[in-house]
Amino acid sequence: MKRLFRFGIVGLSGTVVNLAVISLLIHAYQVPAVLADAIAIEVSIISNFFCNHYYTFRRSAGKESRHDTMASVMRKLWRFNLVALGGAAISFSVFTLCYKWGGFPYYLADILGIGVAMSWNYILSVKLVWRLVDE
């Protein structure tokens, strides 16, 4: 339960990153909303990976401390990006449906997409990316 709470906190911070990036791209650089959302998703995936790696899925006290090599971190980042790609596809699809065809404001469409994708990302992160953390 503690891990799920931490994952949620990281997800919330990723949502802030996502919304900041999409807003900046749309308002400061006039990037089309759909492209801005795709970029914001990837930026938030990378941000979430590092927060999850060092906060959510860190080793418990009393266990061998984590001394990941750069290669190990990059492999996990690659796996996390693949897992998050499914979540991103879900998020992007919900965003596009709500924004383009539903007439929702971009920020509400973005929040809805993020919310739908969170459970996918958590389950696969636990099972595929950091599956050996507590073993």
N, C-alpha and C. Protein backbone atom coordinates (compact mmCIF):
# COMPACT_ATOMS: atom_id res chain seq x y z
N MET A 1 0.82 -1.20 0.00
CA MET A 1 0.00 0.00 0.00
C MET A 1 0.87 1.27 0.00
N LYS A 2 1.97 1.18 0.74
CA LYS A 2 2.89 2.31 0.81
C LYS A 2 3.46 2.62 -0.58
N ARG A 3 3.79 1.55 -1.31
CA ARG A 3 4.34 1.72 -2.65
C ARG A 3 3.32 2.36 -3.59
N LEU A 4 2.06 1.93 -3.50
CA LEU A 4 1.01 2.51 -4.33
C LEU A 4 0.83 4.00 -4.03
N PHE A 5 0.90 4.36 -2.74
CA PHE A 5 0.80 5.77 -2.35
C PHE A 5 1.95 6.56 -2.96
N ARG A 6 3.17 6.02 -2.86
CA ARG A 6 4.33 6.71 -3.44
C ARG A 6 4.19 6.84 -4.95
N PHE A 7 3.70 5.77 -5.58
CA PHE A 7 3.49 5.81 -7.03
C PHE A 7 2.50 6.91 -7.38
N GLY A 8 1.47 7.04 -6.57
CA GLY A 8 0.48 8.10 -6.79
C GLY A 8 1.07 9.49 -6.63
N ILE A 9 1.93 9.66 -5.63
CA ILE A 9 2.61 10.96 -5.42
C ILE A 9 3.49 11.28 -6.63
N VAL A 10 4.24 10.29 -7.08
CA VAL A 10 5.09 10.50 -8.27
C VAL A 10 4.21 10.80 -9.48
N GLY A 11 3.12 10.07 -9.62
CA GLY A 11 2.20 10.32 -10.73
C GLY A 11 1.64 11.73 -10.69
N LEU A 12 1.33 12.21 -9.49
CA LEU A 12 0.84 13.58 -9.34
C LEU A 12 1.91 14.58 -9.77
N SER A 13 3.15 14.33 -9.37
CA SER A 13 4.23 15.24 -9.80
C SER A 13 4.41 15.15 -11.31
N GLY A 14 4.25 13.95 -11.89
CA GLY A 14 4.32 13.79 -13.34
C GLY A 14 3.20 14.52 -14.05
N THR A 15 2.03 14.56 -13.41
CA THR A 15 0.91 15.30 -13.97
C THR A 15 1.23 16.79 -14.01
N VAL A 16 1.85 17.29 -12.95
CA VAL A 16 2.25 18.70 -12.92
C VAL A 16 3.27 18.97 -14.03
N VAL A 17 4.25 18.09 -14.17
CA VAL A 17 5.25 18.23 -15.23
C VAL A 17 4.55 18.22 -16.59
N ASN A 18 3.66 17.26 -16.79
CA ASN A 18 2.95 17.13 -18.04
C ASN A 18 2.16 18.40 -18.38
N LEU A 19 1.39 18.88 -17.40
CA LEU A 19 0.57 20.07 -17.64
C LEU A 19 1.43 21.31 -17.87
N ALA A 20 2.56 21.40 -17.16
CA ALA A 20 3.45 22.55 -17.37
C ALA A 20 4.04 22.52 -18.78
N VAL A 21 4.48 21.35 -19.22
CA VAL A 21 5.09 21.24 -20.54
C VAL A 21 4.05 21.50 -21.64
N ILE A 22 2.88 20.89 -21.53
CA ILE A 22 1.87 21.10 -22.57
C ILE A 22 1.44 22.57 -22.63
N SER A 23 1.29 23.19 -21.47
CA SER A 23 0.90 24.61 -21.44
C SER A 23 1.98 25.49 -22.04
N LEU A 24 3.23 25.23 -21.67
CA LEU A 24 4.35 25.99 -22.22
C LEU A 24 4.42 25.85 -23.74
N LEU A 25 4.32 24.62 -24.22
CA LEU A 25 4.41 24.39 -25.66
C LEU A 25 3.27 25.06 -26.42
N ILE A 26 2.07 24.98 -25.86
CA ILE A 26 0.91 25.56 -26.54
C ILE A 26 0.95 27.09 -26.49
N HIS A 27 1.19 27.63 -25.30
CA HIS A 27 1.08 29.09 -25.14
C HIS A 27 2.34 29.86 -25.53
N ALA A 28 3.50 29.32 -25.24
CA ALA A 28 4.73 30.06 -25.53
C ALA A 28 5.26 29.79 -26.94
N TYR A 29 5.01 28.56 -27.43
CA TYR A 29 5.59 28.19 -28.72
C TYR A 29 4.56 27.87 -29.79
N GLN A 30 3.27 28.00 -29.48
CA GLN A 30 2.18 27.75 -30.41
C GLN A 30 2.26 26.37 -31.07
N VAL A 31 2.72 25.38 -30.32
CA VAL A 31 2.75 24.00 -30.81
C VAL A 31 1.31 23.49 -30.82
N PRO A 32 0.87 22.80 -31.86
CA PRO A 32 -0.49 22.25 -31.87
C PRO A 32 -0.71 21.34 -30.65
N ALA A 33 -1.91 21.39 -30.09
CA ALA A 33 -2.21 20.72 -28.83
C ALA A 33 -1.92 19.22 -28.87
N VAL A 34 -2.23 18.55 -29.95
CA VAL A 34 -2.01 17.11 -30.01
C VAL A 34 -0.52 16.79 -29.98
N LEU A 35 0.29 17.52 -30.71
CA LEU A 35 1.75 17.33 -30.69
C LEU A 35 2.31 17.71 -29.32
N ALA A 36 1.84 18.81 -28.76
CA ALA A 36 2.29 19.24 -27.43
C ALA A 36 1.99 18.18 -26.39
N ASP A 37 0.85 17.52 -26.49
CA ASP A 37 0.50 16.47 -25.54
C ASP A 37 1.46 15.29 -25.67
N ALA A 38 1.79 14.89 -26.89
CA ALA A 38 2.72 13.78 -27.10
C ALA A 38 4.09 14.09 -26.48
N ILE A 39 4.57 15.29 -26.67
CA ILE A 39 5.86 15.70 -26.09
C ILE A 39 5.76 15.73 -24.57
N ALA A 40 4.70 16.29 -24.05
CA ALA A 40 4.51 16.39 -22.60
C ALA A 40 4.44 15.01 -21.96
N ILE A 41 3.83 14.06 -22.64
CA ILE A 41 3.76 12.69 -22.12
C ILE A 41 5.16 12.12 -21.96
N GLU A 42 6.01 12.25 -22.98
CA GLU A 42 7.36 11.67 -22.89
C GLU A 42 8.20 12.36 -21.82
N VAL A 43 8.10 13.67 -21.72
CA VAL A 43 8.84 14.38 -20.66
C VAL A 43 8.39 13.89 -19.29
N SER A 44 7.10 13.70 -19.10
CA SER A 44 6.61 13.24 -17.79
C SER A 44 6.98 11.78 -17.54
N ILE A 45 7.08 10.96 -18.59
CA ILE A 45 7.52 9.56 -18.42
C ILE A 45 8.95 9.53 -17.87
N ILE A 46 9.81 10.33 -18.44
CA ILE A 46 11.22 10.36 -17.99
C ILE A 46 11.29 10.89 -16.56
N SER A 47 10.56 11.93 -16.26
CA SER A 47 10.52 12.47 -14.90
C SER A 47 10.00 11.42 -13.92
N ASN A 48 8.92 10.76 -14.28
CA ASN A 48 8.34 9.73 -13.40
C ASN A 48 9.29 8.56 -13.19
N PHE A 49 10.02 8.17 -14.23
CA PHE A 49 10.96 7.07 -14.07
C PHE A 49 11.96 7.36 -12.95
N PHE A 50 12.60 8.52 -13.02
CA PHE A 50 13.63 8.81 -12.03
C PHE A 50 13.04 8.97 -10.63
N CYS A 51 11.88 9.57 -10.53
CA CYS A 51 11.22 9.68 -9.21
C CYS A 51 10.83 8.30 -8.69
N ASN A 52 10.27 7.45 -9.54
CA ASN A 52 9.91 6.10 -9.10
C ASN A 52 11.14 5.28 -8.76
N HIS A 53 12.18 5.40 -9.54
CA HIS A 53 13.39 4.61 -9.32
C HIS A 53 14.02 4.93 -7.96
N TYR A 54 14.10 6.19 -7.63
CA TYR A 54 14.79 6.59 -6.40
C TYR A 54 13.87 6.81 -5.21
N TYR A 55 12.55 6.79 -5.41
CA TYR A 55 11.62 7.02 -4.31
C TYR A 55 10.64 5.86 -4.14
N THR A 56 9.86 5.56 -5.15
CA THR A 56 8.81 4.55 -5.02
C THR A 56 9.37 3.15 -4.87
N PHE A 57 10.34 2.79 -5.70
CA PHE A 57 10.83 1.42 -5.74
C PHE A 57 12.24 1.28 -5.17
N ARG A 58 12.60 2.16 -4.28
CA ARG A 58 13.91 2.02 -3.64
C ARG A 58 13.86 0.81 -2.72
N ARG A 59 15.01 0.28 -2.40
CA ARG A 59 15.06 -0.88 -1.50
C ARG A 59 14.66 -0.44 -0.10
N SER A 60 14.04 -1.36 0.60
CA SER A 60 13.62 -1.10 1.97
C SER A 60 14.83 -1.00 2.89
N ALA A 61 14.67 -0.27 3.99
CA ALA A 61 15.74 -0.15 4.98
C ALA A 61 16.11 -1.54 5.49
N GLY A 62 17.38 -1.76 5.71
CA GLY A 62 17.84 -3.04 6.22
C GLY A 62 18.20 -4.03 5.12
N LYS A 63 17.80 -3.77 3.90
CA LYS A 63 18.17 -4.64 2.78
C LYS A 63 19.37 -4.03 2.09
N GLU A 64 19.99 -4.84 1.28
CA GLU A 64 21.14 -4.37 0.52
C GLU A 64 20.77 -3.09 -0.22
N SER A 65 21.58 -2.07 -0.09
CA SER A 65 21.26 -0.81 -0.75
C SER A 65 21.48 -0.94 -2.26
N ARG A 66 20.80 -0.14 -2.99
CA ARG A 66 20.87 -0.18 -4.45
C ARG A 66 22.12 0.56 -4.91
N HIS A 67 22.88 -0.11 -5.72
CA HIS A 67 24.04 0.50 -6.37
C HIS A 67 23.94 0.19 -7.85
N ASP A 68 22.97 0.79 -8.50
CA ASP A 68 22.74 0.53 -9.91
C ASP A 68 23.84 1.15 -10.75
N THR A 69 24.26 0.40 -11.74
CA THR A 69 25.18 0.95 -12.72
C THR A 69 24.37 1.81 -13.69
N MET A 70 25.06 2.62 -14.44
CA MET A 70 24.38 3.43 -15.44
C MET A 70 23.67 2.52 -16.44
N ALA A 71 24.31 1.41 -16.81
CA ALA A 71 23.68 0.47 -17.75
C ALA A 71 22.40 -0.11 -17.17
N SER A 72 22.40 -0.44 -15.89
CA SER A 72 21.20 -0.99 -15.24
C SER A 72 20.07 0.04 -15.22
N VAL A 73 20.40 1.27 -14.88
CA VAL A 73 19.39 2.33 -14.85
C VAL A 73 18.83 2.56 -16.25
N MET A 74 19.69 2.55 -17.26
CA MET A 74 19.23 2.77 -18.63
C MET A 74 18.33 1.61 -19.11
N ARG A 75 18.65 0.36 -18.70
CA ARG A 75 17.78 -0.77 -19.06
C ARG A 75 16.41 -0.61 -18.41
N LYS A 76 16.39 -0.19 -17.15
CA LYS A 76 15.12 0.03 -16.47
C LYS A 76 14.36 1.19 -17.10
N LEU A 77 15.07 2.25 -17.46
CA LEU A 77 14.43 3.37 -18.14
C LEU A 77 13.82 2.90 -19.45
N TRP A 78 14.53 2.08 -20.19
CA TRP A 78 14.01 1.54 -21.44
C TRP A 78 12.75 0.72 -21.19
N ARG A 79 12.79 -0.19 -20.18
CA ARG A 79 11.61 -1.00 -19.85
C ARG A 79 10.46 -0.12 -19.39
N PHE A 80 10.77 0.88 -18.55
CA PHE A 80 9.73 1.78 -18.07
C PHE A 80 9.09 2.54 -19.23
N ASN A 81 9.92 2.98 -20.17
CA ASN A 81 9.39 3.69 -21.34
C ASN A 81 8.48 2.77 -22.15
N LEU A 82 8.85 1.50 -22.30
CA LEU A 82 8.00 0.56 -23.03
C LEU A 82 6.68 0.33 -22.30
N VAL A 83 6.76 0.15 -20.97
CA VAL A 83 5.54 -0.01 -20.18
C VAL A 83 4.69 1.25 -20.28
N ALA A 84 5.34 2.39 -20.11
CA ALA A 84 4.62 3.65 -20.12
C ALA A 84 4.07 3.98 -21.51
N LEU A 85 4.63 3.36 -22.54
CA LEU A 85 4.12 3.56 -23.89
C LEU A 85 2.66 3.10 -23.98
N GLY A 86 2.37 1.98 -23.33
CA GLY A 86 0.97 1.53 -23.27
C GLY A 86 0.11 2.55 -22.55
N GLY A 87 0.61 3.01 -21.40
CA GLY A 87 -0.11 4.05 -20.66
C GLY A 87 -0.21 5.34 -21.46
N ALA A 88 0.86 5.66 -22.17
CA ALA A 88 0.85 6.88 -22.99
C ALA A 88 -0.18 6.75 -24.12
N ALA A 89 -0.25 5.56 -24.72
CA ALA A 89 -1.24 5.35 -25.79
C ALA A 89 -2.65 5.50 -25.24
N ILE A 90 -2.86 4.97 -24.03
CA ILE A 90 -4.16 5.12 -23.38
C ILE A 90 -4.43 6.60 -23.11
N SER A 91 -3.46 7.27 -22.49
CA SER A 91 -3.60 8.68 -22.16
C SER A 91 -3.82 9.52 -23.41
N PHE A 92 -3.02 9.28 -24.43
CA PHE A 92 -3.12 10.04 -25.67
C PHE A 92 -4.46 9.82 -26.35
N SER A 93 -4.94 8.57 -26.35
CA SER A 93 -6.23 8.25 -26.96
C SER A 93 -7.37 8.96 -26.24
N VAL A 94 -7.35 8.89 -24.92
CA VAL A 94 -8.39 9.56 -24.15
C VAL A 94 -8.32 11.07 -24.38
N PHE A 95 -7.10 11.63 -24.37
CA PHE A 95 -6.93 13.06 -24.62
C PHE A 95 -7.52 13.44 -25.98
N THR A 96 -7.13 12.69 -27.01
CA THR A 96 -7.58 13.02 -28.36
C THR A 96 -9.09 12.91 -28.49
N LEU A 97 -9.66 11.84 -27.94
CA LEU A 97 -11.12 11.68 -28.00
C LEU A 97 -11.83 12.83 -27.28
N CYS A 98 -11.34 13.15 -26.08
CA CYS A 98 -12.01 14.20 -25.29
C CYS A 98 -11.79 15.59 -25.89
N TYR A 99 -10.56 15.86 -26.34
CA TYR A 99 -10.22 17.20 -26.84
C TYR A 99 -10.76 17.42 -28.25
N LYS A 100 -10.44 16.50 -29.16
CA LYS A 100 -10.79 16.70 -30.57
C LYS A 100 -12.28 16.49 -30.82
N TRP A 101 -12.83 15.43 -30.22
CA TRP A 101 -14.21 15.07 -30.54
C TRP A 101 -15.19 15.38 -29.41
N GLY A 102 -14.68 15.54 -28.20
CA GLY A 102 -15.57 15.81 -27.08
C GLY A 102 -15.69 17.28 -26.73
N GLY A 103 -14.80 18.08 -27.28
CA GLY A 103 -14.84 19.51 -27.01
C GLY A 103 -14.36 19.91 -25.62
N PHE A 104 -13.67 19.00 -24.93
CA PHE A 104 -13.15 19.31 -23.60
C PHE A 104 -11.98 20.29 -23.72
N PRO A 105 -11.77 21.14 -22.73
CA PRO A 105 -10.55 21.96 -22.71
C PRO A 105 -9.33 21.03 -22.65
N TYR A 106 -8.21 21.43 -23.24
CA TYR A 106 -7.04 20.55 -23.31
C TYR A 106 -6.58 20.06 -21.94
N TYR A 107 -6.62 20.92 -20.92
CA TYR A 107 -6.12 20.52 -19.60
C TYR A 107 -7.01 19.45 -18.97
N LEU A 108 -8.32 19.53 -19.16
CA LEU A 108 -9.23 18.52 -18.62
C LEU A 108 -9.08 17.21 -19.38
N ALA A 109 -8.96 17.29 -20.70
CA ALA A 109 -8.74 16.09 -21.51
C ALA A 109 -7.43 15.42 -21.10
N ASP A 110 -6.41 16.20 -20.83
CA ASP A 110 -5.11 15.68 -20.42
C ASP A 110 -5.21 14.99 -19.06
N ILE A 111 -5.85 15.61 -18.10
CA ILE A 111 -6.00 15.02 -16.77
C ILE A 111 -6.78 13.71 -16.85
N LEU A 112 -7.85 13.67 -17.64
CA LEU A 112 -8.62 12.43 -17.79
C LEU A 112 -7.76 11.32 -18.38
N GLY A 113 -6.99 11.64 -19.39
CA GLY A 113 -6.11 10.64 -20.01
C GLY A 113 -5.08 10.11 -19.03
N ILE A 114 -4.50 10.98 -18.25
CA ILE A 114 -3.51 10.58 -17.25
C ILE A 114 -4.15 9.67 -16.21
N GLY A 115 -5.33 10.02 -15.76
CA GLY A 115 -6.02 9.22 -14.75
C GLY A 115 -6.31 7.81 -15.22
N VAL A 116 -6.76 7.66 -16.46
CA VAL A 116 -7.08 6.34 -17.00
C VAL A 116 -5.81 5.48 -17.13
N ALA A 117 -4.70 6.10 -17.48
CA ALA A 117 -3.47 5.36 -17.72
C ALA A 117 -2.74 4.95 -16.44
N MET A 118 -3.06 5.56 -15.31
CA MET A 118 -2.28 5.32 -14.09
C MET A 118 -2.29 3.85 -13.64
N SER A 119 -3.43 3.19 -13.66
CA SER A 119 -3.48 1.81 -13.17
C SER A 119 -2.65 0.89 -14.06
N TRP A 120 -2.71 1.08 -15.36
CA TRP A 120 -1.87 0.31 -16.30
C TRP A 120 -0.40 0.48 -15.93
N ASN A 121 0.03 1.71 -15.76
CA ASN A 121 1.44 1.98 -15.47
C ASN A 121 1.88 1.36 -14.15
N TYR A 122 1.04 1.44 -13.14
CA TYR A 122 1.43 0.89 -11.83
C TYR A 122 1.58 -0.62 -11.89
N ILE A 123 0.59 -1.29 -12.40
CA ILE A 123 0.62 -2.76 -12.44
C ILE A 123 1.83 -3.27 -13.22
N LEU A 124 2.07 -2.71 -14.38
CA LEU A 124 3.20 -3.18 -15.18
C LEU A 124 4.54 -2.72 -14.64
N SER A 125 4.58 -1.59 -13.97
CA SER A 125 5.84 -1.16 -13.33
C SER A 125 6.23 -2.14 -12.23
N VAL A 126 5.26 -2.55 -11.44
CA VAL A 126 5.53 -3.51 -10.36
C VAL A 126 5.94 -4.86 -10.94
N LYS A 127 5.26 -5.31 -11.96
CA LYS A 127 5.48 -6.65 -12.49
C LYS A 127 6.67 -6.76 -13.44
N LEU A 128 6.98 -5.69 -14.17
CA LEU A 128 8.01 -5.80 -15.21
C LEU A 128 9.26 -4.96 -15.00
N VAL A 129 9.12 -3.77 -14.45
CA VAL A 129 10.28 -2.87 -14.38
C VAL A 129 11.06 -3.08 -13.10
N TRP A 130 10.40 -3.04 -11.97
CA TRP A 130 11.08 -3.17 -10.69
C TRP A 130 10.70 -4.46 -9.97
N ARG A 131 10.48 -5.53 -10.70
CA ARG A 131 9.99 -6.77 -10.11
C ARG A 131 10.94 -7.41 -9.11
N LEU A 132 12.19 -7.09 -9.16
CA LEU A 132 13.17 -7.71 -8.26
C LEU A 132 13.57 -6.81 -7.10
N VAL A 133 12.92 -5.69 -6.94
CA VAL A 133 13.34 -4.72 -5.94
C VAL A 133 13.33 -5.31 -4.54
N ASP A 134 12.27 -6.00 -4.17
CA ASP A 134 12.15 -6.50 -2.80
C ASP A 134 12.49 -7.98 -2.66
N GLU A 135 13.04 -8.58 -3.71
CA GLU A 135 13.39 -10.00 -3.63
C GLU A 135 14.80 -10.18 -3.12
